[in-house]
Protein backbone atom coordinates (compact mmCIF):
# COMPACT_ATOMS: atom_id res chain seq x y z
CA SER A 1 -0.09 -0.33 -0.14
CA GLU A 2 1.23 3.48 -0.70
CA PRO A 3 2.07 6.01 2.48
CA LEU A 4 -0.34 8.69 3.49
CA ALA A 5 0.58 11.65 2.37
CA TRP A 6 0.18 14.82 4.79
CA PRO A 7 -2.34 17.36 4.53
CA PRO A 8 -1.12 20.24 3.69
CA VAL A 9 -0.82 22.01 7.51
CA SER A 10 1.04 19.20 8.55
CA ALA A 11 3.32 18.88 5.46
CA GLN A 12 4.44 22.85 6.51
CA ALA A 13 5.34 21.90 9.84
CA ALA A 14 7.03 19.32 9.02
CA SER A 15 9.55 21.03 6.97
CA LEU A 16 9.71 23.77 9.32
CA LEU A 17 10.55 21.27 11.93
CA GLU A 18 13.23 20.13 9.60
CA GLU A 19 14.52 23.47 9.14
CA ALA A 20 14.54 24.23 12.99
CA ALA A 21 16.68 20.97 13.76
CA ASP A 22 19.49 21.38 10.30
CA LEU A 23 20.02 25.47 12.21
CA LEU A 24 19.96 24.07 15.69
CA VAL A 25 22.65 20.76 14.96
CA LEU A 26 24.13 22.21 11.52
CA HIS A 27 24.09 25.53 11.56
CA ARG A 28 24.28 26.53 15.55
CA ASP A 29 21.47 29.55 14.15
CA PHE A 30 19.52 28.77 17.52
CA ALA A 31 17.17 31.88 17.05
CA ALA A 32 16.27 31.06 13.43
CA ALA A 33 15.45 27.23 15.02
CA VAL A 34 13.04 28.88 17.73
CA GLU A 35 11.81 31.02 14.89
CA ARG A 36 11.05 28.17 12.68
CA CYS A 37 9.46 25.63 15.70
CA GLU A 38 7.03 28.49 16.66
CA ALA A 39 6.15 28.92 12.75
CA GLY A 40 5.30 24.92 12.84
CA CYS A 41 3.67 25.04 15.87
CA ASP A 42 1.01 28.11 15.42
CA SER A 43 0.39 25.63 11.79
CA LEU A 44 -0.58 22.94 14.12
CA GLY A 45 -3.02 24.71 16.56
CA PRO A 46 -3.60 23.59 19.63
CA GLY A 47 -4.09 20.18 19.44
CA ALA A 48 -5.24 17.24 21.53
CA GLY A 49 -3.72 15.77 25.51
CA PRO A 50 -0.90 13.19 24.95
CA GLY A 51 -3.29 10.52 26.36
CA ALA A 52 -6.39 11.42 23.91
CA GLU A 53 -7.93 9.27 21.18
CA ARG A 54 -6.76 10.86 17.91
CA CYS A 55 -7.13 9.82 14.19
CA LEU A 56 -4.11 9.23 12.23
CA PHE A 57 -4.05 12.82 11.41
CA VAL A 58 -4.32 14.26 14.68
CA THR A 59 -1.32 11.74 16.30
CA SER A 60 0.71 12.79 13.10
CA SER A 61 0.38 16.14 13.94
CA ALA A 62 0.69 15.79 17.81
CA GLU A 63 4.11 14.52 17.00
CA VAL A 64 5.39 17.37 14.59
CA LYS A 65 4.59 19.39 17.31
CA CYS A 66 6.19 17.76 20.29
CA SER A 67 9.40 16.99 18.02
CA LEU A 68 9.36 21.44 17.27
CA CYS A 69 8.79 22.02 21.18
CA VAL A 70 11.78 19.97 21.48
CA VAL A 71 14.17 21.28 19.48
CA GLY A 72 12.62 24.58 20.66
CA ILE A 73 13.62 23.52 24.19
CA GLN A 74 16.99 23.15 23.40
CA ALA A 75 17.71 26.26 21.08
CA LEU A 76 16.22 28.19 24.16
CA ALA A 77 19.05 26.24 26.41
CA GLU A 78 21.76 26.88 24.19
CA MET A 79 20.66 31.01 24.04
CA ASN A 80 20.72 30.54 28.03
CA ARG A 81 16.84 31.55 27.86
CA TRP A 82 15.83 28.50 30.18
CA ARG A 83 13.46 30.83 31.93
CA GLU A 84 11.72 31.49 29.45
CA VAL A 85 11.34 27.27 28.05
CA LEU A 86 8.31 26.53 30.53
CA SER A 87 5.98 29.55 29.58
CA TRP A 88 7.14 28.92 26.18
CA VAL A 89 5.94 25.88 25.69
CA LEU A 90 2.78 25.91 27.75
CA GLN A 91 1.15 28.95 25.27
CA TYR A 92 1.06 25.99 22.70
CA TYR A 93 -0.39 22.89 25.03
CA HIS A 94 -2.39 25.60 27.33
CA VAL A 95 -2.40 23.39 30.29
CA PRO A 96 0.38 20.95 32.28
CA GLU A 97 -1.80 17.81 31.67
CA HIS A 98 -1.21 18.11 28.18
CA LEU A 99 2.41 18.01 27.90
CA PRO A 100 4.09 15.38 25.85
CA PRO A 101 5.86 13.08 28.27
CA LYS A 102 8.99 13.77 26.04
CA VAL A 103 8.37 17.73 26.47
CA LEU A 104 7.70 17.09 30.37
CA GLU A 105 10.64 15.02 31.12
CA LEU A 106 13.11 18.11 28.89
CA CYS A 107 11.69 20.35 31.38
CA ILE A 108 11.98 18.55 34.34
CA LEU A 109 15.82 17.41 33.44
CA LEU A 110 16.52 21.31 32.25
CA TYR A 111 15.63 23.32 35.46
CA SER A 112 16.79 20.60 37.70
CA LYS A 113 20.16 21.42 35.59
CA VAL A 114 20.28 24.83 36.31
CA ARG A 115 18.95 24.77 40.00
CA GLU A 116 15.51 25.69 39.33
CA PRO A 117 13.52 22.86 40.48
CA GLN A 118 10.54 24.18 42.41
CA VAL A 119 9.19 25.65 38.61
CA MET A 120 8.64 22.15 37.54
CA LEU A 121 6.56 21.34 41.02
CA GLU A 122 3.02 22.34 40.10
CA VAL A 123 3.58 21.28 36.67
CA GLY A 124 4.81 18.01 37.33
CA ASN A 125 2.13 17.40 40.21
CA CYS A 126 -0.43 18.46 37.97
CA TRP A 127 0.55 16.07 35.44
CA LEU A 128 0.91 13.12 37.22
CA ARG A 129 -2.73 12.99 38.88
CA ASP A 130 -4.07 13.41 35.73
CA GLN A 131 -6.25 9.93 35.35
CA THR A 132 -5.77 10.42 31.66
CA ASN A 133 -2.17 10.60 31.82
CA LYS A 134 -1.85 7.58 34.09
CA SER A 135 -2.51 5.16 30.95
CA LEU A 136 0.10 6.28 29.37
CA PRO A 137 3.06 3.66 29.28
CA GLU A 138 6.16 6.83 30.51
CA TYR A 139 4.06 7.62 33.53
CA GLY A 140 6.46 5.29 35.53
CA SER A 141 9.63 6.44 34.70
CA LEU A 142 8.31 10.65 34.97
CA LEU A 143 6.79 9.89 38.43
CA GLU A 144 10.43 9.06 39.80
CA LEU A 145 12.02 11.68 37.31
CA TYR A 146 9.67 14.08 39.26
CA LEU A 147 10.62 12.49 42.38
CA LEU A 148 14.65 12.28 42.21
CA HIS A 149 14.70 15.87 40.06
CA VAL A 150 12.23 17.71 41.82
CA LEU A 151 10.65 16.65 45.42
CA LEU A 152 13.62 15.12 46.34
CA PRO A 153 15.98 17.88 46.32
CA LEU A 154 13.65 20.36 47.43
CA GLY A 155 12.70 18.07 50.81
CA ARG A 156 9.14 17.47 49.79
CA PHE A 157 9.17 14.49 51.38
CA GLU A 158 5.83 14.26 52.58
CA GLU A 159 4.32 15.42 49.46
CA ALA A 160 6.41 12.47 47.59
CA GLU A 161 5.16 10.05 50.08
CA GLU A 162 1.44 11.05 49.53
CA LEU A 163 2.21 11.04 45.77
CA VAL A 164 3.52 7.20 45.58
CA ARG A 165 1.16 6.00 48.33
CA GLY A 166 -1.85 7.52 46.22
CA CYS A 167 -0.93 6.38 42.86
CA ASP A 168 -2.82 3.25 41.73
CA VAL A 169 -0.49 2.78 38.17
CA LEU A 170 2.22 0.99 41.00
CA ASP A 171 2.17 -2.29 42.56
CA SER A 172 3.70 -2.84 45.75
CA GLU A 173 7.53 -3.55 44.61
CA GLN A 174 7.25 -0.37 42.79
CA GLN A 175 5.82 1.33 45.86
CA LEU A 176 8.29 0.00 48.60
CA ALA A 177 11.28 0.56 46.24
CA PHE A 178 9.97 4.88 45.61
CA LEU A 179 9.04 4.62 49.79
CA ARG A 180 12.67 2.92 50.04
CA THR A 181 14.38 6.06 48.41
CA ILE A 182 12.47 8.76 50.03
CA CYS A 183 13.34 7.06 53.15
CA GLU A 184 17.11 7.58 52.27
CA SER A 185 17.18 11.41 50.90
CA ARG A 186 15.24 12.47 53.98
CA CYS A 187 18.09 10.62 55.88
CA GLN A 188 20.97 12.49 54.09
CA TRP A 189 18.58 15.35 54.25
CA THR A 190 19.03 15.29 57.99
CA LYS A 191 23.17 14.61 57.63
CA ARG A 192 23.05 17.49 56.00
CA GLU A 193 21.01 20.02 57.72
CA GLU A 194 22.67 18.97 61.10
CA MET A 195 26.18 19.01 59.15
CA SER A 196 25.84 23.17 58.60
CA SER A 197 24.57 23.81 61.92
CA ALA A 198 27.20 22.89 63.42
CA ALA A 199 29.19 24.53 61.06
CA GLU A 200 27.44 27.86 61.28
CA GLU A 201 27.68 27.61 65.08
CA GLN A 202 31.62 27.00 64.41
CA GLN A 203 31.30 30.03 62.27
CA ASP A 204 29.64 31.84 65.44
CA ALA A 205 32.01 30.80 67.69
CA ALA A 206 34.63 31.87 65.56
CA THR A 207 33.17 35.62 65.10
CA GLU A 208 32.49 35.72 68.73
CA SER A 209 35.79 34.64 69.83
CA VAL A 210 37.12 37.33 67.47
CA LEU A 211 34.91 40.44 68.06
CA GLY A 212 35.54 39.50 71.88
CA ALA A 213 39.73 40.13 71.44
CA LEU A 214 38.64 43.20 69.72
CA SER A 215 36.93 44.60 72.21
CA GLN A 216 39.00 43.53 74.65
CA LYS A 217 41.58 45.69 72.50
CA LEU A 218 39.72 48.51 71.94
CA LEU A 219 38.87 48.51 76.12
CA THR A 220 42.57 48.14 76.59
CA MET A 221 43.64 51.28 73.91
CA LEU A 222 40.37 53.59 75.56
CA THR A 223 41.97 52.91 79.41
CA LEU A 224 45.47 53.86 78.48
CA LEU A 225 44.03 56.76 76.68
CA ARG A 226 41.92 57.70 79.58
CA ARG A 227 44.56 57.80 81.88
CA ALA A 228 47.05 60.02 79.09
CA LEU A 229 44.25 62.22 79.62
CA ARG A 230 43.99 62.45 83.20
CA SER A 231 47.79 62.90 83.33
CA MET A 232 47.64 65.32 81.18
CA SER A 233 44.85 67.58 82.82
CA SER A 234 46.46 67.65 85.99
CA HIS A 235 49.68 68.61 84.70
CA PHE A 236 47.86 71.61 82.62
CA TYR A 237 45.80 72.21 86.34
CA LEU A 238 49.59 72.94 88.37
CA LEU A 239 50.78 75.82 85.35
CA PRO A 240 50.71 79.36 86.83
CA TYR A 241 47.65 80.10 84.39
CA LYS A 242 47.59 83.81 87.24
CA LYS A 243 51.11 84.53 85.84
CA MET A 244 50.00 83.74 82.66
CA LEU A 245 46.90 86.03 82.63
CA LEU A 246 48.66 88.72 84.29
CA ALA A 247 51.88 88.83 81.85
CA THR A 248 49.06 88.81 79.01
CA PHE A 249 47.28 92.17 80.57
CA LEU A 250 50.60 93.75 81.12
CA LEU A 251 51.42 93.55 77.34
CA TYR A 252 48.64 95.08 76.74
CA LEU A 253 48.85 97.91 79.09
CA VAL A 254 52.01 98.29 77.40
CA VAL A 255 51.44 97.61 73.90
CA VAL A 256 48.08 99.60 74.00
CA ARG A 257 47.87 102.32 77.32
CA LEU A 258 51.77 102.77 76.83
CA ASP A 259 54.24 104.06 75.19
CA PRO A 260 57.36 101.88 75.32
CA ALA A 261 59.81 104.99 74.45
CA SER A 262 58.69 106.77 77.34
CA PRO A 263 60.94 106.18 80.75
CA THR A 264 57.67 105.76 83.15
CA ALA A 265 57.07 102.10 80.92
CA LEU A 266 60.31 100.80 81.52
CA PRO A 267 59.78 99.40 84.90
CA PHE A 268 56.67 97.58 83.59
CA ILE A 269 58.33 95.97 80.37
CA TYR A 270 60.86 94.82 83.18
CA LYS A 271 58.19 93.22 85.38
CA LEU A 272 56.93 92.26 82.26
CA VAL A 273 59.54 90.23 80.88
CA GLN A 274 60.14 88.28 84.23
CA LEU A 275 56.46 87.24 84.25
CA PHE A 276 56.92 85.92 80.51
CA ARG A 277 60.81 83.92 81.53
CA GLN A 278 58.93 82.34 84.61
CA ALA A 279 55.70 81.14 82.59
CA TRP A 280 57.83 79.64 79.96
CA ALA A 281 59.91 77.88 82.23
CA ALA A 282 57.07 76.11 83.87
CA VAL A 283 55.60 74.77 80.30
CA PHE A 284 58.07 73.51 79.00
CA SER A 285 59.35 72.06 82.47
CA PRO A 286 58.40 68.33 83.70
CA ILE A 287 55.92 68.35 85.75
CA HIS A 288 55.68 70.96 88.46
CA ARG A 289 55.15 69.99 92.25
CA PRO A 290 55.20 72.38 94.87
CA PRO A 291 58.42 72.46 96.98
CA ILE A 292 58.25 70.44 99.91
CA GLN A 293 58.55 72.04 103.02
CA ASP A 294 60.25 71.32 106.34
């Protein structure tokens, strides 16, 4: 029998897919590859969910659309535009439940690699709880992928156990294996938290010891400064301030009120010189001490 020819719209999408793949792999033109993928997805329309019963044309269109999204995801990742991947995919599938298994797998792996698994938390939960998706053969592998790369790295152990126990697709052995993996991951998480808290306590203790040493040094410096200021103040208190004031006043009288050339001003000038000598000797001599009287 002759192979069935694709309708014009599907053939156009397939041609755009081929161009996008060549641009991605051969030419490394990632922006042009994304443009071809967008044009191909727009030509196909929303389509149906991955688990719905479809005719041959709808099935081929869904496969082409999934492939276009796969190429687009890889091109966006190559351009370091991974933050746009999920919103870019959902504009063509509208709801998380309709994402093809391959597209969901790539999104989980991508956001896990860039250490942003929380982005896929709600999307993966909605997809796995959908009854239509539970009939897909990829359901078990995607459940494991969601547990290992989303829930467990985020420490969502209770949600993981609830998801496994409430999944009627898994048999008892599979559920037991998943629960054992969750338990092991919980133990590792607890050990890491204990080690992290111990390291933080050691760091806090080291910081407190350093601050304590610095505060002790600062207190010692302040004590020495206080003693020096007290010594200087006691020294200045012992200076003959009265003589200094008297000498200044006499200098004012001589310069302003008296004529230095006048014979009557000579006694005042003589006394002023003596007072200045005494004041100078008192300032630049050791600390003045009152004479000891017998």
